[in-house]
């Protein structure tokens, strides 16, 4: 367990060690949450693209679709399973924000992680308060798109850096209390928490994604993916963009450049999402500097045993 005397850099290196010693398990755990989102997006765009391309043929062969209401209903029925699939992957990704904290407890004891469904169940059986917590947290992030709120929101997010750790380790607290407790932990330790977030951001949002992107580009993977999607990007679809760029005296863009940008962006985003466990592990270890309750691990173990079918002990202290 991370000790209070541990420095930021010691905790940071410990988190990296724990993650990479179990990287195969964590990557596999994140496959559906990450690639499920991508697959849902691709399938949705593919259906909408083909529907638009063959719309005239469909309307001529199925006259009822000429009524806008029935056309929208038909399209909705087709897209509904994909939307459900996509939302499930997003939910699983959000669950990982807290479930990986429970997994970190296991790694601190045995240096390995196992029984992923049990850790996940600790979140899903409290799905309603967790959903409220996520709406509050990601709603706050959404406010940062408004320029006037940008700095204020990011300062708040540093104070609320431990909301997911508080949720999993202090289950007696409400979603609103999780924010208050996180703020109390960060208060007086703002600079250290900011440093930890900066280290994690630099490593998982810049350094590692660029290394992976460079490797994929070296083995010609970027070019292959670019050539795969370039035929779907037509010159007319870029006319309005190039018109604006031309008025600004900027060189016009081509379908090849757009395809390259899409591929590079997707690779970087995928790598960043796959690295979520690394960020959570390090923040969990830093959180342990503030909440070092010796009973916390026992509470986690009891809940995992309960998930596995063991009898829950009565009168458990909170």
Protein backbone atom coordinates (compact mmCIF):
# COMPACT_ATOMS: atom_id res chain seq x y z
CA UNK A 1 0.00 0.00 0.00
CA UNK A 2 1.26 3.47 -0.84
CA UNK A 3 2.61 5.13 2.31
CA UNK A 4 2.11 8.72 3.28
CA UNK A 5 5.86 9.24 3.06
CA UNK A 6 5.90 8.19 -0.58
CA UNK A 7 6.69 10.94 -3.03
CA UNK A 8 4.68 11.72 -6.15
CA UNK A 9 7.38 10.22 -8.34
CA UNK A 10 7.58 7.03 -6.26
CA UNK A 11 3.82 6.58 -6.50
CA UNK A 12 3.91 7.38 -10.21
CA UNK A 13 6.59 4.74 -10.85
CA UNK A 14 4.79 2.21 -8.63
CA UNK A 15 1.59 2.71 -10.64
CA UNK A 16 3.45 2.23 -13.91
CA UNK A 17 4.98 -0.97 -12.56
CA UNK A 18 1.62 -2.36 -11.42
CA UNK A 19 0.03 -1.54 -14.76
CA UNK A 20 2.70 -3.00 -17.01
CA UNK A 21 3.03 -6.13 -14.87
CA UNK A 22 -0.64 -6.81 -15.69
CA UNK A 23 -0.86 -5.03 -19.05
CA UNK A 24 -2.24 -8.05 -20.91
CA UNK A 25 -5.18 -8.33 -18.49
CA UNK A 26 -5.92 -4.62 -18.53
CA UNK A 27 -5.77 -4.34 -22.33
CA UNK A 28 -8.16 -7.28 -22.64
CA UNK A 29 -10.46 -5.73 -20.03
CA UNK A 30 -10.63 -2.49 -22.04
CA UNK A 31 -11.14 -4.09 -25.48
CA UNK A 32 -14.94 -3.96 -25.49
CA UNK A 33 -15.34 -0.55 -23.80
CA UNK A 34 -12.89 1.04 -26.25
CA UNK A 35 -13.45 -0.80 -29.52
CA UNK A 36 -17.17 -1.18 -28.83
CA UNK A 37 -17.50 2.59 -28.96
CA UNK A 38 -15.54 2.67 -32.23
CA UNK A 39 -17.53 -0.19 -33.75
CA UNK A 40 -20.84 1.43 -32.80
CA UNK A 41 -19.78 4.70 -34.40
CA UNK A 42 -18.54 3.02 -37.59
CA UNK A 43 -21.67 0.88 -37.94
CA UNK A 44 -23.95 3.88 -37.42
CA UNK A 45 -22.10 5.97 -40.00
CA UNK A 46 -22.01 3.05 -42.44
CA UNK A 47 -25.76 2.49 -42.20
CA UNK A 48 -26.53 6.19 -42.58
CA UNK A 49 -24.13 6.47 -45.54
CA UNK A 50 -25.60 3.47 -47.38
CA UNK A 51 -29.14 4.55 -46.55
CA UNK A 52 -28.48 7.92 -48.15
CA UNK A 53 -26.73 6.33 -51.16
CA UNK A 54 -29.54 3.86 -51.90
CA UNK A 55 -32.42 5.98 -50.65
CA UNK A 56 -34.03 6.36 -54.08
CA UNK A 57 -33.93 2.59 -54.69
CA UNK A 58 -35.46 1.87 -51.29
CA UNK A 59 -38.25 4.39 -51.80
CA UNK A 60 -39.12 2.96 -55.20
CA UNK A 61 -39.15 -0.65 -53.98
CA UNK A 62 -40.80 0.03 -50.60
CA UNK A 63 -43.45 2.74 -51.18
CA UNK A 64 -44.39 2.96 -47.50
CA UNK A 65 -40.98 4.48 -46.80
CA UNK A 66 -41.98 7.52 -48.85
CA UNK A 67 -43.83 8.66 -45.74
CA UNK A 68 -41.25 10.44 -43.55
CA UNK A 69 -42.70 8.97 -40.36
CA UNK A 70 -42.36 5.37 -41.53
CA UNK A 71 -38.94 6.04 -43.01
CA UNK A 72 -37.69 7.38 -39.67
CA UNK A 73 -39.26 4.45 -37.80
CA UNK A 74 -37.56 1.96 -40.13
CA UNK A 75 -34.22 3.69 -39.74
CA UNK A 76 -34.68 3.82 -35.96
CA UNK A 77 -35.46 0.09 -35.76
CA UNK A 78 -32.31 -0.69 -37.75
CA UNK A 79 -30.14 1.57 -35.61
CA UNK A 80 -31.62 0.62 -32.22
CA UNK A 81 -29.49 -2.54 -31.62
CA UNK A 82 -26.35 -0.64 -32.62
CA UNK A 83 -27.21 2.26 -30.30
CA UNK A 84 -27.78 -0.17 -27.41
CA UNK A 85 -24.44 -1.85 -28.19
CA UNK A 86 -22.72 1.55 -28.33
CA UNK A 87 -24.26 2.75 -25.04
CA UNK A 88 -23.24 -0.51 -23.35
CA UNK A 89 -19.62 0.04 -24.37
CA UNK A 90 -19.72 3.62 -23.06
CA UNK A 91 -21.20 2.43 -19.76
CA UNK A 92 -18.50 -0.26 -19.40
CA UNK A 93 -15.85 2.39 -20.01
CA UNK A 94 -17.30 4.57 -17.26
CA UNK A 95 -17.51 1.57 -14.92
CA UNK A 96 -13.77 1.04 -15.41
CA UNK A 97 -13.11 4.42 -13.77
CA UNK A 98 -14.08 2.90 -10.40
CA UNK A 99 -13.65 -0.85 -10.94
CA UNK A 100 -9.91 -0.49 -11.61
CA UNK A 101 -9.55 1.06 -8.15
CA UNK A 102 -10.83 -2.17 -6.63
CA UNK A 103 -8.43 -4.11 -8.84
CA UNK A 104 -5.58 -1.96 -7.55
CA UNK A 105 -6.29 -3.27 -4.04
CA UNK A 106 -5.70 -6.81 -5.31
CA UNK A 107 -2.46 -5.81 -6.98
CA UNK A 108 -1.18 -4.17 -3.81
CA UNK A 109 -1.58 -7.53 -2.08
CA UNK A 110 -0.61 -10.02 -4.77
CA UNK A 111 0.82 -7.85 -7.60
CA UNK A 112 -1.72 -9.35 -9.97
CA UNK A 113 -5.33 -8.70 -10.84
CA UNK A 114 -8.06 -11.29 -11.31
CA UNK A 115 -11.83 -11.87 -11.13
CA UNK A 116 -12.76 -8.87 -13.25
CA UNK A 117 -16.55 -9.57 -13.08
CA UNK A 118 -16.46 -9.35 -9.27
CA UNK A 119 -14.79 -5.95 -9.34
CA UNK A 120 -17.21 -4.73 -12.00
CA UNK A 121 -20.20 -5.98 -10.02
CA UNK A 122 -19.19 -3.73 -7.13
CA UNK A 123 -20.09 -0.80 -9.39
CA UNK A 124 -23.02 -2.16 -11.38
CA UNK A 125 -25.02 -3.18 -8.33
CA UNK A 126 -24.89 0.49 -7.26
CA UNK A 127 -25.58 1.63 -10.79
CA UNK A 128 -28.00 4.44 -10.00
CA UNK A 129 -25.77 6.49 -7.65
CA UNK A 130 -22.83 5.74 -9.94
CA UNK A 131 -24.74 7.00 -12.96
CA UNK A 132 -25.55 10.19 -11.06
CA UNK A 133 -21.87 10.55 -10.14
CA UNK A 134 -20.81 10.13 -13.78
CA UNK A 135 -23.41 12.62 -15.02
CA UNK A 136 -22.19 15.17 -12.49
CA UNK A 137 -18.49 14.59 -13.29
CA UNK A 138 -18.71 14.46 -17.08
CA UNK A 139 -21.30 17.25 -17.08
CA UNK A 140 -18.68 19.39 -15.38
CA UNK A 141 -16.17 18.45 -18.06
CA UNK A 142 -18.70 19.41 -20.73
CA UNK A 143 -18.83 22.91 -19.28
CA UNK A 144 -15.17 23.36 -20.19
CA UNK A 145 -16.13 23.74 -23.86
CA UNK A 146 -17.46 27.17 -22.91
CA UNK A 147 -14.32 29.38 -22.98
CA UNK A 148 -15.35 31.55 -20.03
CA UNK A 149 -15.62 28.46 -17.79
CA UNK A 150 -12.50 26.64 -19.04
CA UNK A 151 -9.96 27.58 -16.35
CA UNK A 152 -12.52 27.43 -13.53
CA UNK A 153 -13.73 23.95 -14.55
CA UNK A 154 -10.23 22.48 -14.84
CA UNK A 155 -9.33 23.81 -11.39
CA UNK A 156 -12.47 22.14 -10.01
CA UNK A 157 -11.58 18.89 -11.77
CA UNK A 158 -8.29 18.79 -9.87
CA UNK A 159 -10.18 19.14 -6.60
CA UNK A 160 -12.56 16.40 -7.76
CA UNK A 161 -9.75 14.08 -8.92
CA UNK A 162 -10.65 11.39 -6.34
CA UNK A 163 -14.43 11.12 -6.81
CA UNK A 164 -14.20 7.63 -8.32
CA UNK A 165 -11.83 6.42 -5.61
CA UNK A 166 -14.12 7.80 -2.90
CA UNK A 167 -17.11 6.09 -4.52
CA UNK A 168 -15.50 2.65 -4.42
CA UNK A 169 -13.69 2.85 -1.07
CA UNK A 170 -16.19 4.91 0.90
CA UNK A 171 -19.54 3.47 -0.28
CA UNK A 172 -21.54 5.07 2.50
CA UNK A 173 -21.17 8.48 0.82
CA UNK A 174 -23.66 9.91 -1.68
CA UNK A 175 -22.50 11.11 -5.14
CA UNK A 176 -22.49 14.73 -3.93
CA UNK A 177 -20.53 13.73 -0.83
CA UNK A 178 -17.95 12.01 -3.05
CA UNK A 179 -17.20 15.39 -4.60
CA UNK A 180 -16.97 17.06 -1.20
CA UNK A 181 -14.68 14.35 0.20
CA UNK A 182 -12.41 14.49 -2.84
CA UNK A 183 -12.12 18.25 -2.44
CA UNK A 184 -11.19 17.84 1.23
CA UNK A 185 -8.40 15.40 0.29
CA UNK A 186 -6.96 17.70 -2.37
CA UNK A 187 -7.24 20.82 -0.19
CA UNK A 188 -3.72 21.59 1.00
CA UNK A 189 -2.28 19.14 -1.54
CA UNK A 190 -3.32 20.92 -4.72
CA UNK A 191 0.18 21.28 -6.18
CA UNK A 192 1.06 17.61 -5.64
CA UNK A 193 -2.23 16.44 -7.14
CA UNK A 194 -1.77 18.77 -10.09
CA UNK A 195 1.74 17.34 -10.58
CA UNK A 196 0.41 13.77 -10.56
CA UNK A 197 -2.30 14.64 -13.07
CA UNK A 198 0.29 16.41 -15.25
CA UNK A 199 2.63 13.41 -15.19
CA UNK A 200 -0.20 11.05 -16.10
CA UNK A 201 -1.47 13.42 -18.79
CA UNK A 202 1.95 13.77 -20.38
CA UNK A 203 2.57 10.02 -20.34
CA UNK A 204 -0.85 8.69 -21.39
CA UNK A 205 -2.12 11.51 -23.60
CA UNK A 206 1.10 12.48 -25.40
CA UNK A 207 4.17 10.25 -25.00
CA UNK A 208 2.75 6.71 -25.21
CA UNK A 209 0.13 7.52 -27.91
CA UNK A 210 2.83 9.13 -30.07
CA UNK A 211 5.11 6.12 -29.61
CA UNK A 212 2.35 3.73 -30.67
CA UNK A 213 1.37 5.98 -33.59
CA UNK A 214 4.99 6.15 -34.77
CA UNK A 215 5.29 2.37 -34.59
CA UNK A 216 2.08 1.79 -36.56
CA UNK A 217 3.20 4.35 -39.12
CA UNK A 218 6.60 2.64 -39.42
CA UNK A 219 5.00 -0.72 -40.26
CA UNK A 220 2.78 1.01 -42.86
CA UNK A 221 -0.37 0.51 -40.82
CA UNK A 222 -1.37 4.18 -40.98
CA UNK A 223 -1.09 4.21 -44.79
CA UNK A 224 -3.16 1.03 -45.11
CA UNK A 225 -5.95 2.45 -42.95
CA UNK A 226 -5.80 5.79 -44.78
CA UNK A 227 -6.17 4.04 -48.15
CA UNK A 228 -9.12 2.09 -46.74
CA UNK A 229 -11.24 5.12 -45.82
CA UNK A 230 -10.06 7.64 -48.43
CA UNK A 231 -12.54 6.44 -51.13
CA UNK A 232 -15.42 7.45 -48.84
CA UNK A 233 -14.23 11.05 -48.62
CA UNK A 234 -15.31 12.87 -51.76
CA UNK A 235 -14.02 16.18 -53.09
CA UNK A 236 -17.51 17.79 -53.20
CA UNK A 237 -17.93 17.09 -49.48
CA UNK A 238 -14.91 19.33 -48.84
CA UNK A 239 -16.03 22.18 -51.08
CA UNK A 240 -17.41 24.39 -48.31
CA UNK A 241 -14.31 23.85 -46.16
CA UNK A 242 -11.97 24.66 -49.02
CA UNK A 243 -14.06 27.71 -49.87
CA UNK A 244 -13.46 29.08 -46.37
CA UNK A 245 -9.77 28.17 -46.47
CA UNK A 246 -9.38 29.79 -49.87
CA UNK A 247 -10.91 33.02 -48.57
CA UNK A 248 -8.41 32.95 -45.71
CA UNK A 249 -5.51 32.36 -48.09
CA UNK A 250 -4.86 28.90 -46.66
CA UNK A 251 -3.94 25.90 -48.81
CA UNK A 252 -6.91 23.70 -49.57
CA UNK A 253 -7.18 20.21 -48.11
CA UNK A 254 -7.52 16.95 -50.02
CA UNK A 255 -9.37 13.69 -49.24
CA UNK A 256 -5.99 12.07 -48.60
CA UNK A 257 -5.14 14.64 -45.92
CA UNK A 258 -8.54 14.25 -44.27
CA UNK A 259 -8.22 10.45 -44.28
CA UNK A 260 -4.75 10.68 -42.73
CA UNK A 261 -6.00 13.03 -40.03
CA UNK A 262 -8.91 10.71 -39.18
CA UNK A 263 -6.67 7.64 -38.94
CA UNK A 264 -4.04 9.35 -36.80
CA UNK A 265 -6.69 10.84 -34.51
CA UNK A 266 -8.46 7.48 -34.06
CA UNK A 267 -5.21 5.70 -33.19
CA UNK A 268 -4.30 8.33 -30.60
CA UNK A 269 -7.81 8.28 -29.08
CA UNK A 270 -7.84 4.47 -28.91
CA UNK A 271 -4.45 4.36 -27.17
CA UNK A 272 -5.52 7.07 -24.70
CA UNK A 273 -8.67 5.13 -23.83
CA UNK A 274 -6.79 1.83 -23.47
CA UNK A 275 -4.47 3.55 -20.98
CA UNK A 276 -7.34 4.46 -18.64
CA UNK A 277 -6.33 1.75 -16.11
CA UNK A 278 -2.84 3.26 -15.81
CA UNK A 279 -4.29 6.67 -14.93
CA UNK A 280 -6.73 5.16 -12.43
CA UNK A 281 -4.06 3.02 -10.74
CA UNK A 282 -1.77 6.00 -10.14
CA UNK A 283 -4.60 8.17 -8.85
CA UNK A 284 -5.72 5.33 -6.57
CA UNK A 285 -2.22 5.04 -5.09
CA UNK A 286 -2.12 8.80 -4.56
CA UNK A 287 -5.56 8.68 -2.94
CA UNK A 288 -4.26 6.07 -0.51
CA UNK A 289 -1.95 8.71 0.91
CA UNK A 290 -5.04 10.45 2.29
CA UNK A 291 -7.30 7.52 3.02
CA UNK A 292 -5.15 4.83 4.62
CA UNK A 293 -7.87 2.99 6.52
CA UNK A 294 -6.67 -0.50 7.36
CA UNK A 295 -10.24 -1.73 7.04
CA UNK A 296 -10.63 -0.57 3.46
CA UNK A 297 -8.99 -3.66 1.98
CA UNK A 298 -11.12 -5.94 4.12
CA UNK A 299 -14.29 -4.20 2.94
CA UNK A 300 -13.21 -4.73 -0.66
CA UNK A 301 -12.39 -8.40 -0.04
CA UNK A 302 -15.73 -9.02 1.69
CA UNK A 303 -17.65 -7.52 -1.22
CA UNK A 304 -15.70 -9.63 -3.72
CA UNK A 305 -16.40 -12.76 -1.66
CA UNK A 306 -20.05 -11.78 -1.52
CA UNK A 307 -20.09 -11.52 -5.32
CA UNK A 308 -18.57 -15.01 -5.49
CA UNK A 309 -21.36 -16.42 -3.32
CA UNK A 310 -19.86 -16.27 0.17
CA UNK A 311 -22.07 -15.30 3.08
CA UNK A 312 -21.90 -11.60 3.82
CA UNK A 313 -20.81 -10.78 7.32
CA UNK A 314 -23.45 -8.99 9.30
CA UNK A 315 -22.88 -5.79 11.18
CA UNK A 316 -20.01 -4.61 8.98
CA UNK A 317 -18.65 -1.29 10.14
CA UNK A 318 -18.70 1.56 7.72
